[in-house]
Amino acid sequence: MPSKTETPSSPTGASGSAASGAQSALVELVGAKKDYPLGRTVVSALRGVDLVVRRGEFVALAGPSGSGKTTLLNLVGCVDVATAGTVRVDGHDTGRLSEKALTQLRLEALGFIFQSFNLIAVLDVFQNIEFPLLLQGKLGKGERAERVRSIVEKVGLTQQMKQRPAELSGGQRQRVAIARALVTRPRLVLADEPTANLDSETGERIIDLMRELNHTEGTTFLFSTHDPKIMTHADRVVHIADGRVLDAAAGHA
């Protein structure tokens, strides 16, 4: 088995049409499997998944509870690693990266939106959105403030900048979560049921906002959903059942 690398490196050596395909694929799963031990048995959450998500796509994962959607997002998000097969994110084989390199890839290339928002209660809107930039440690105070104010304006929360999560509606909290995911300018945003805790009208507005940012910022989105109305906004809908991809039909966006 190859030793795990300490830091991600850019893919090299491809040329011609093969190079073009590799460059357009931001996420690529080849025969990806994920097993979890449960006592004396083994639960197979993913059973040989093949999937490509290209740069700039807006892709929905659809399937019943327990189908493997969250497990797939965890593999792509470098939160977990595949038991077998290959998972490539932004050109990096995640199975060959060290924990330090996986953390770096998450911080530099990925943004996350959670259905429960996962905002820090004691921080206001500005501070919650700024937090990933502090973790990166690349920007000075003035640059961070400019970056945060810009994304806050795009999600329509300028008037709420100094409010804490408890003072916001569910839709406003999810917009904070979206802004936090985008403030680092990630290449890929992963969202696990981002509208599950919202009413249908607010949920559609949140997906519309994500779609707008996909168009204006060029950010790739991969998100899970149970809602057929939400699926119609996607470029493609990838249907999953029993840990297998059934199809990847075009959406109606």
C-alpha atoms as a PDB file:
ATOM      1  CA  MET A   1       0.000   0.000   0.000  1.00  0.00           C
ATOM      2  CA  PRO A   2       1.382   3.465  -0.911  1.00  0.00           C
ATOM      3  CA  SER A   3       2.334   5.665   2.006  1.00  0.00           C
ATOM      4  CA  LYS A   4       0.033   8.556   2.748  1.00  0.00           C
ATOM      5  CA  THR A   5       1.241  11.915   1.549  1.00  0.00           C
ATOM      6  CA  GLU A   6       1.632  14.806   3.969  1.00  0.00           C
ATOM      7  CA  THR A   7       0.249  17.590   1.773  1.00  0.00           C
ATOM      8  CA  PRO A   8      -1.962  17.689  -1.329  1.00  0.00           C
ATOM      9  CA  SER A   9      -0.200  18.298  -4.638  1.00  0.00           C
ATOM     10  CA  SER A  10      -1.603  19.292  -8.022  1.00  0.00           C
ATOM     11  CA  PRO A  11      -2.186  16.433 -10.479  1.00  0.00           C
ATOM     12  CA  THR A  12       0.334  16.278 -13.328  1.00  0.00           C
ATOM     13  CA  GLY A  13       1.157  14.201 -16.363  1.00  0.00           C
ATOM     14  CA  ALA A  14      -2.240  14.292 -18.140  1.00  0.00           C
ATOM     15  CA  SER A  15      -2.541  15.571 -21.673  1.00  0.00           C
ATOM     16  CA  GLY A  16      -5.009  15.992 -24.553  1.00  0.00           C
ATOM     17  CA  SER A  17      -8.644  15.045 -24.033  1.00  0.00           C
ATOM     18  CA  ALA A  18      -7.796  13.026 -20.931  1.00  0.00           C
ATOM     19  CA  ALA A  19      -6.334  16.155 -19.336  1.00  0.00           C
ATOM     20  CA  SER A  20      -9.440  18.135 -20.234  1.00  0.00           C
ATOM     21  CA  GLY A  21     -11.686  15.518 -18.585  1.00  0.00           C
ATOM     22  CA  ALA A  22      -9.532  15.422 -15.447  1.00  0.00           C
ATOM     23  CA  GLN A  23      -9.563  19.205 -15.146  1.00  0.00           C
ATOM     24  CA  SER A  24     -13.364  19.437 -15.478  1.00  0.00           C
ATOM     25  CA  ALA A  25     -13.980  16.731 -12.846  1.00  0.00           C
ATOM     26  CA  LEU A  26     -13.904  18.297  -9.392  1.00  0.00           C
ATOM     27  CA  VAL A  27     -15.155  15.119  -7.693  1.00  0.00           C
ATOM     28  CA  GLU A  28     -14.650  11.579  -8.928  1.00  0.00           C
ATOM     29  CA  LEU A  29     -15.630   8.373  -7.177  1.00  0.00           C
ATOM     30  CA  VAL A  30     -14.583   5.061  -8.734  1.00  0.00           C
ATOM     31  CA  GLY A  31     -15.912   1.872  -7.146  1.00  0.00           C
ATOM     32  CA  ALA A  32     -16.173   3.653  -3.791  1.00  0.00           C
ATOM     33  CA  LYS A  33     -17.239   1.421  -0.915  1.00  0.00           C
ATOM     34  CA  LYS A  34     -17.751   2.205   2.738  1.00  0.00           C
ATOM     35  CA  ASP A  35     -18.286  -0.461   5.387  1.00  0.00           C
ATOM     36  CA  TYR A  36     -18.964   0.053   9.088  1.00  0.00           C
ATOM     37  CA  PRO A  37     -18.444  -2.722  11.671  1.00  0.00           C
ATOM     38  CA  LEU A  38     -21.515  -3.361  13.817  1.00  0.00           C
ATOM     39  CA  GLY A  39     -20.754  -5.982  16.421  1.00  0.00           C
ATOM     40  CA  ARG A  40     -19.948  -9.177  14.531  1.00  0.00           C
ATOM     41  CA  THR A  41     -21.499  -7.940  11.313  1.00  0.00           C
ATOM     42  CA  VAL A  42     -20.504  -5.353   8.727  1.00  0.00           C
ATOM     43  CA  VAL A  43     -22.904  -2.716   7.380  1.00  0.00           C
ATOM     44  CA  SER A  44     -22.212  -1.679   3.789  1.00  0.00           C
ATOM     45  CA  ALA A  45     -23.205   1.991   3.491  1.00  0.00           C
ATOM     46  CA  LEU A  46     -21.815   2.415  -0.032  1.00  0.00           C
ATOM     47  CA  ARG A  47     -21.472  -0.492  -2.461  1.00  0.00           C
ATOM     48  CA  GLY A  48     -19.184   0.467  -5.321  1.00  0.00           C
ATOM     49  CA  VAL A  49     -20.277   3.993  -6.245  1.00  0.00           C
ATOM     50  CA  ASP A  50     -19.106   5.601  -9.494  1.00  0.00           C
ATOM     51  CA  LEU A  51     -19.798   9.329  -9.730  1.00  0.00           C
ATOM     52  CA  VAL A  52     -18.316  12.411 -11.390  1.00  0.00           C
ATOM     53  CA  VAL A  53     -19.197  15.998 -10.435  1.00  0.00           C
ATOM     54  CA  ARG A  54     -17.767  18.605 -12.781  1.00  0.00           C
ATOM     55  CA  ARG A  55     -16.671  22.112 -11.899  1.00  0.00           C
ATOM     56  CA  GLY A  56     -19.556  24.565 -11.792  1.00  0.00           C
ATOM     57  CA  GLU A  57     -22.291  21.926 -11.505  1.00  0.00           C
ATOM     58  CA  PHE A  58     -25.274  22.115  -9.151  1.00  0.00           C
ATOM     59  CA  VAL A  59     -25.990  18.491  -8.279  1.00  0.00           C
ATOM     60  CA  ALA A  60     -28.612  16.965  -5.981  1.00  0.00           C
ATOM     61  CA  LEU A  61     -28.361  13.588  -4.249  1.00  0.00           C
ATOM     62  CA  ALA A  62     -31.776  11.986  -3.800  1.00  0.00           C
ATOM     63  CA  GLY A  63     -32.767   8.849  -1.945  1.00  0.00           C
ATOM     64  CA  PRO A  64     -34.547   7.550   1.145  1.00  0.00           C
ATOM     65  CA  SER A  65     -33.056   7.690   4.631  1.00  0.00           C
ATOM     66  CA  GLY A  66     -30.262   5.151   4.958  1.00  0.00           C
ATOM     67  CA  SER A  67     -29.579   5.103   1.222  1.00  0.00           C
ATOM     68  CA  GLY A  68     -25.998   6.347   1.581  1.00  0.00           C
ATOM     69  CA  LYS A  69     -26.350  10.050   0.772  1.00  0.00           C
ATOM     70  CA  THR A  70     -24.699  11.321   3.957  1.00  0.00           C
ATOM     71  CA  THR A  71     -21.951   8.700   3.742  1.00  0.00           C
ATOM     72  CA  LEU A  72     -21.185   9.814   0.187  1.00  0.00           C
ATOM     73  CA  LEU A  73     -21.022  13.462   1.289  1.00  0.00           C
ATOM     74  CA  ASN A  74     -18.731  12.476   4.179  1.00  0.00           C
ATOM     75  CA  LEU A  75     -16.318  10.765   1.770  1.00  0.00           C
ATOM     76  CA  VAL A  76     -16.296  13.724  -0.611  1.00  0.00           C
ATOM     77  CA  GLY A  77     -15.951  16.112   2.334  1.00  0.00           C
ATOM     78  CA  CYS A  78     -12.869  14.277   3.633  1.00  0.00           C
ATOM     79  CA  VAL A  79     -14.667  13.610   6.906  1.00  0.00           C
ATOM     80  CA  ASP A  80     -14.257   9.879   6.273  1.00  0.00           C
ATOM     81  CA  VAL A  81     -12.271   7.691   3.872  1.00  0.00           C
ATOM     82  CA  ALA A  82     -13.482   4.877   1.634  1.00  0.00           C
ATOM     83  CA  THR A  83     -13.041   1.239   2.654  1.00  0.00           C
ATOM     84  CA  ALA A  84     -12.279   0.424  -0.989  1.00  0.00           C
ATOM     85  CA  GLY A  85     -12.246   2.203  -4.323  1.00  0.00           C
ATOM     86  CA  THR A  86     -11.058   5.726  -5.074  1.00  0.00           C
ATOM     87  CA  VAL A  87     -12.349   9.159  -4.062  1.00  0.00           C
ATOM     88  CA  ARG A  88     -10.704  12.126  -5.777  1.00  0.00           C
ATOM     89  CA  VAL A  89     -11.493  15.685  -4.719  1.00  0.00           C
ATOM     90  CA  ASP A  90      -9.962  18.630  -6.575  1.00  0.00           C
ATOM     91  CA  GLY A  91      -7.432  16.258  -8.142  1.00  0.00           C
ATOM     92  CA  HIS A  92      -6.374  14.601  -4.867  1.00  0.00           C
ATOM     93  CA  ASP A  93      -6.858  10.931  -4.010  1.00  0.00           C
ATOM     94  CA  THR A  94      -8.192  11.312  -0.464  1.00  0.00           C
ATOM     95  CA  GLY A  95      -7.201   7.752   0.453  1.00  0.00           C
ATOM     96  CA  ARG A  96      -3.538   8.684  -0.008  1.00  0.00           C
ATOM     97  CA  LEU A  97      -3.608  11.818   2.145  1.00  0.00           C
ATOM     98  CA  SER A  98      -2.562  12.088   5.778  1.00  0.00           C
ATOM     99  CA  GLU A  99      -4.966  13.487   8.384  1.00  0.00           C
ATOM    100  CA  LYS A 100      -3.107  16.797   8.222  1.00  0.00           C
ATOM    101  CA  ALA A 101      -3.463  16.934   4.436  1.00  0.00           C
ATOM    102  CA  LEU A 102      -7.158  16.013   4.610  1.00  0.00           C
ATOM    103  CA  THR A 103      -7.705  18.869   7.069  1.00  0.00           C
ATOM    104  CA  GLN A 104      -5.892  21.240   4.744  1.00  0.00           C
ATOM    105  CA  LEU A 105      -8.004  20.113   1.778  1.00  0.00           C
ATOM    106  CA  ARG A 106     -11.223  20.635   3.766  1.00  0.00           C
ATOM    107  CA  LEU A 107     -10.114  24.102   4.826  1.00  0.00           C
ATOM    108  CA  GLU A 108      -8.842  25.253   1.433  1.00  0.00           C
ATOM    109  CA  ALA A 109     -11.201  23.653  -1.093  1.00  0.00           C
ATOM    110  CA  LEU A 110     -14.469  22.791   0.658  1.00  0.00           C
ATOM    111  CA  GLY A 111     -17.396  24.555   2.266  1.00  0.00           C
ATOM    112  CA  PHE A 112     -20.093  22.861   4.359  1.00  0.00           C
ATOM    113  CA  ILE A 113     -23.768  23.691   4.938  1.00  0.00           C
ATOM    114  CA  PHE A 114     -25.581  21.703   7.640  1.00  0.00           C
ATOM    115  CA  GLN A 115     -29.337  21.204   8.075  1.00  0.00           C
ATOM    116  CA  SER A 116     -28.992  22.184  11.753  1.00  0.00           C
ATOM    117  CA  PHE A 117     -26.978  25.309  10.768  1.00  0.00           C
ATOM    118  CA  ASN A 118     -24.153  24.590  13.289  1.00  0.00           C
ATOM    119  CA  LEU A 119     -23.683  28.274  14.108  1.00  0.00           C
ATOM    120  CA  ILE A 120     -21.747  29.343  17.213  1.00  0.00           C
ATOM    121  CA  ALA A 121     -24.338  30.733  19.627  1.00  0.00           C
ATOM    122  CA  VAL A 122     -22.084  33.293  21.339  1.00  0.00           C
ATOM    123  CA  LEU A 123     -20.892  34.846  18.057  1.00  0.00           C
ATOM    124  CA  ASP A 124     -22.844  37.322  15.961  1.00  0.00           C
ATOM    125  CA  VAL A 125     -23.490  36.939  12.216  1.00  0.00           C
ATOM    126  CA  PHE A 126     -20.270  38.717  11.233  1.00  0.00           C
ATOM    127  CA  GLN A 127     -18.153  36.632  13.623  1.00  0.00           C
ATOM    128  CA  ASN A 128     -19.733  33.319  12.579  1.00  0.00           C
ATOM    129  CA  ILE A 129     -19.002  34.022   8.934  1.00  0.00           C
ATOM    130  CA  GLU A 130     -15.496  35.274   9.682  1.00  0.00           C
ATOM    131  CA  PHE A 131     -14.560  32.165  11.683  1.00  0.00           C
ATOM    132  CA  PRO A 132     -13.312  29.982   8.757  1.00  0.00           C
ATOM    133  CA  LEU A 133     -11.077  32.850   7.607  1.00  0.00           C
ATOM    134  CA  LEU A 134      -9.519  32.982  11.063  1.00  0.00           C
ATOM    135  CA  LEU A 135      -8.825  29.253  10.839  1.00  0.00           C
ATOM    136  CA  GLN A 136      -7.142  29.723   7.477  1.00  0.00           C
ATOM    137  CA  GLY A 137      -5.009  32.544   8.868  1.00  0.00           C
ATOM    138  CA  LYS A 138      -4.251  34.019   5.452  1.00  0.00           C
ATOM    139  CA  LEU A 139      -5.984  37.406   5.530  1.00  0.00           C
ATOM    140  CA  GLY A 140      -5.418  40.453   7.684  1.00  0.00           C
ATOM    141  CA  LYS A 141      -8.217  42.009   9.733  1.00  0.00           C
ATOM    142  CA  GLY A 142      -9.171  44.550   7.058  1.00  0.00           C
ATOM    143  CA  GLU A 143      -9.240  41.958   4.259  1.00  0.00           C
ATOM    144  CA  ARG A 144     -11.333  39.607   6.394  1.00  0.00           C
ATOM    145  CA  ALA A 145     -13.850  42.355   7.165  1.00  0.00           C
ATOM    146  CA  GLU A 146     -14.153  43.258   3.484  1.00  0.00           C
ATOM    147  CA  ARG A 147     -14.624  39.609   2.490  1.00  0.00           C
ATOM    148  CA  VAL A 148     -17.284  39.053   5.180  1.00  0.00           C
ATOM    149  CA  ARG A 149     -19.236  42.225   4.379  1.00  0.00           C
ATOM    150  CA  SER A 150     -19.264  41.325   0.692  1.00  0.00           C
ATOM    151  CA  ILE A 151     -20.749  37.862   1.228  1.00  0.00           C
ATOM    152  CA  VAL A 152     -23.175  39.146   3.893  1.00  0.00           C
ATOM    153  CA  GLU A 153     -24.525  41.614   1.335  1.00  0.00           C
ATOM    154  CA  LYS A 154     -24.932  38.831  -1.239  1.00  0.00           C
ATOM    155  CA  VAL A 155     -27.053  36.724   1.118  1.00  0.00           C
ATOM    156  CA  GLY A 156     -29.101  39.747   2.219  1.00  0.00           C
ATOM    157  CA  LEU A 157     -28.133  39.950   5.890  1.00  0.00           C
ATOM    158  CA  THR A 158     -26.466  43.350   6.156  1.00  0.00           C
ATOM    159  CA  GLN A 159     -29.046  44.554   8.687  1.00  0.00           C
ATOM    160  CA  GLN A 160     -28.513  41.458  10.856  1.00  0.00           C
ATOM    161  CA  MET A 161     -24.703  41.593  10.942  1.00  0.00           C
ATOM    162  CA  LYS A 162     -24.469  42.171  14.706  1.00  0.00           C
ATOM    163  CA  GLN A 163     -27.254  39.794  15.723  1.00  0.00           C
ATOM    164  CA  ARG A 164     -26.614  36.396  17.278  1.00  0.00           C
ATOM    165  CA  PRO A 165     -28.177  33.162  15.960  1.00  0.00           C
ATOM    166  CA  ALA A 166     -30.925  33.113  18.627  1.00  0.00           C
ATOM    167  CA  GLU A 167     -32.197  36.441  17.236  1.00  0.00           C
ATOM    168  CA  LEU A 168     -32.550  35.110  13.668  1.00  0.00           C
ATOM    169  CA  SER A 169     -35.243  33.131  11.858  1.00  0.00           C
ATOM    170  CA  GLY A 170     -34.501  29.658  10.474  1.00  0.00           C
ATOM    171  CA  GLY A 171     -34.107  31.032   6.964  1.00  0.00           C
ATOM    172  CA  GLN A 172     -31.740  33.745   8.176  1.00  0.00           C
ATOM    173  CA  ARG A 173     -29.644  31.205  10.073  1.00  0.00           C
ATOM    174  CA  GLN A 174     -29.312  29.066   6.957  1.00  0.00           C
ATOM    175  CA  ARG A 175     -28.255  32.116   4.966  1.00  0.00           C
ATOM    176  CA  VAL A 176     -25.531  32.713   7.576  1.00  0.00           C
ATOM    177  CA  ALA A 177     -24.462  29.079   7.125  1.00  0.00           C
ATOM    178  CA  ILE A 178     -24.322  29.551   3.340  1.00  0.00           C
ATOM    179  CA  ALA A 179     -22.280  32.732   3.716  1.00  0.00           C
ATOM    180  CA  ARG A 180     -19.892  30.971   6.098  1.00  0.00           C
ATOM    181  CA  ALA A 181     -19.474  28.130   3.599  1.00  0.00           C
ATOM    182  CA  LEU A 182     -18.703  30.549   0.750  1.00  0.00           C
ATOM    183  CA  VAL A 183     -16.540  33.142   2.511  1.00  0.00           C
ATOM    184  CA  THR A 184     -13.342  31.126   1.954  1.00  0.00           C
ATOM    185  CA  ARG A 185     -14.170  30.948  -1.780  1.00  0.00           C
ATOM    186  CA  PRO A 186     -14.187  27.141  -1.850  1.00  0.00           C
ATOM    187  CA  ARG A 187     -14.260  25.198  -5.089  1.00  0.00           C
ATOM    188  CA  LEU A 188     -16.955  22.874  -3.746  1.00  0.00           C
ATOM    189  CA  VAL A 189     -19.807  23.346  -1.271  1.00  0.00           C
ATOM    190  CA  LEU A 190     -21.405  20.259   0.307  1.00  0.00           C
ATOM    191  CA  ALA A 191     -24.852  20.510   1.856  1.00  0.00           C
ATOM    192  CA  ASP A 192     -26.595  17.689   3.750  1.00  0.00           C
ATOM    193  CA  GLU A 193     -30.364  18.298   3.609  1.00  0.00           C
ATOM    194  CA  PRO A 194     -29.939  22.107   3.780  1.00  0.00           C
ATOM    195  CA  THR A 195     -33.700  22.745   3.702  1.00  0.00           C
ATOM    196  CA  ALA A 196     -34.862  19.911   5.991  1.00  0.00           C
ATOM    197  CA  ASN A 197     -35.507  22.167   9.008  1.00  0.00           C
ATOM    198  CA  LEU A 198     -37.194  24.934   7.006  1.00  0.00           C
ATOM    199  CA  ASP A 199     -40.748  25.417   5.761  1.00  0.00           C
ATOM    200  CA  SER A 200     -41.240  24.770   2.032  1.00  0.00           C
ATOM    201  CA  GLU A 201     -41.316  28.445   1.005  1.00  0.00           C
ATOM    202  CA  THR A 202     -38.149  29.310   2.946  1.00  0.00           C
ATOM    203  CA  GLY A 203     -36.498  26.123   1.660  1.00  0.00           C
ATOM    204  CA  GLU A 204     -37.098  27.121  -1.944  1.00  0.00           C
ATOM    205  CA  ARG A 205     -35.689  30.600  -1.282  1.00  0.00           C
ATOM    206  CA  ILE A 206     -32.550  29.025   0.218  1.00  0.00           C
ATOM    207  CA  ILE A 207     -32.068  26.765  -2.815  1.00  0.00           C
ATOM    208  CA  ASP A 208     -32.650  29.767  -5.108  1.00  0.00           C
ATOM    209  CA  LEU A 209     -29.905  31.615  -3.228  1.00  0.00           C
ATOM    210  CA  MET A 210     -27.537  28.652  -3.542  1.00  0.00           C
ATOM    211  CA  ARG A 211     -28.339  28.444  -7.241  1.00  0.00           C
ATOM    212  CA  GLU A 212     -27.708  32.167  -7.727  1.00  0.00           C
ATOM    213  CA  LEU A 213     -24.327  31.897  -6.005  1.00  0.00           C
ATOM    214  CA  ASN A 214     -23.550  28.856  -8.149  1.00  0.00           C
ATOM    215  CA  HIS A 215     -24.120  31.037 -11.226  1.00  0.00           C
ATOM    216  CA  THR A 216     -22.463  34.244 -10.030  1.00  0.00           C
ATOM    217  CA  GLU A 217     -19.520  32.756  -8.098  1.00  0.00           C
ATOM    218  CA  GLY A 218     -19.006  29.625 -10.203  1.00  0.00           C
ATOM    219  CA  THR A 219     -19.031  27.499  -7.038  1.00  0.00           C
ATOM    220  CA  THR A 220     -19.830  23.806  -7.422  1.00  0.00           C
ATOM    221  CA  PHE A 221     -22.617  22.497  -5.178  1.00  0.00           C
ATOM    222  CA  LEU A 222     -23.362  18.898  -4.168  1.00  0.00           C
ATOM    223  CA  PHE A 223     -26.337  18.588  -1.837  1.00  0.00           C
ATOM    224  CA  SER A 224     -28.750  15.943  -0.576  1.00  0.00           C
ATOM    225  CA  THR A 225     -32.515  16.332  -0.411  1.00  0.00           C
ATOM    226  CA  HIS A 226     -35.771  14.396  -0.064  1.00  0.00           C
ATOM    227  CA  ASP A 227     -37.860  17.200  -1.584  1.00  0.00           C
ATOM    228  CA  PRO A 228     -38.951  16.734  -5.238  1.00  0.00           C
ATOM    229  CA  LYS A 229     -39.470  20.510  -5.585  1.00  0.00           C
ATOM    230  CA  ILE A 230     -35.874  21.158  -4.566  1.00  0.00           C
ATOM    231  CA  MET A 231     -34.637  18.549  -7.059  1.00  0.00           C
ATOM    232  CA  THR A 232     -36.067  20.546  -9.965  1.00  0.00           C
ATOM    233  CA  HIS A 233     -33.505  23.295  -9.305  1.00  0.00           C
ATOM    234  CA  ALA A 234     -30.542  20.978  -9.907  1.00  0.00           C
ATOM    235  CA  ASP A 235     -28.496  20.487 -13.072  1.00  0.00           C
ATOM    236  CA  ARG A 236     -28.588  16.768 -12.299  1.00  0.00           C
ATOM    237  CA  VAL A 237     -30.266  14.541  -9.752  1.00  0.00           C
ATOM    238  CA  VAL A 238     -28.241  11.524  -8.644  1.00  0.00           C
ATOM    239  CA  HIS A 239     -30.577   8.859  -7.240  1.00  0.00           C
ATOM    240  CA  ILE A 240     -29.138   6.570  -4.559  1.00  0.00           C
ATOM    241  CA  ALA A 241     -30.636   3.470  -2.953  1.00  0.00           C
ATOM    242  CA  ASP A 242     -29.067   0.759  -0.809  1.00  0.00           C
ATOM    243  CA  GLY A 243     -25.611   2.323  -1.197  1.00  0.00           C
ATOM    244  CA  ARG A 244     -25.692   2.286  -5.006  1.00  0.00           C
ATOM    245  CA  VAL A 245     -26.178   5.022  -7.612  1.00  0.00           C
ATOM    246  CA  LEU A 246     -29.254   4.190  -9.663  1.00  0.00           C
ATOM    247  CA  ASP A 247     -29.077   7.033 -12.170  1.00  0.00           C
ATOM    248  CA  ALA A 248     -27.983  10.653 -12.607  1.00  0.00           C
ATOM    249  CA  ALA A 249     -30.825  12.313 -14.478  1.00  0.00           C
ATOM    250  CA  ALA A 250     -30.789  15.893 -15.692  1.00  0.00           C
ATOM    251  CA  GLY A 251     -32.751  18.395 -13.604  1.00  0.00           C
ATOM    252  CA  HIS A 252     -35.059  21.157 -14.758  1.00  0.00           C
ATOM    253  CA  ALA A 253     -33.065  24.254 -13.751  1.00  0.00           C
END
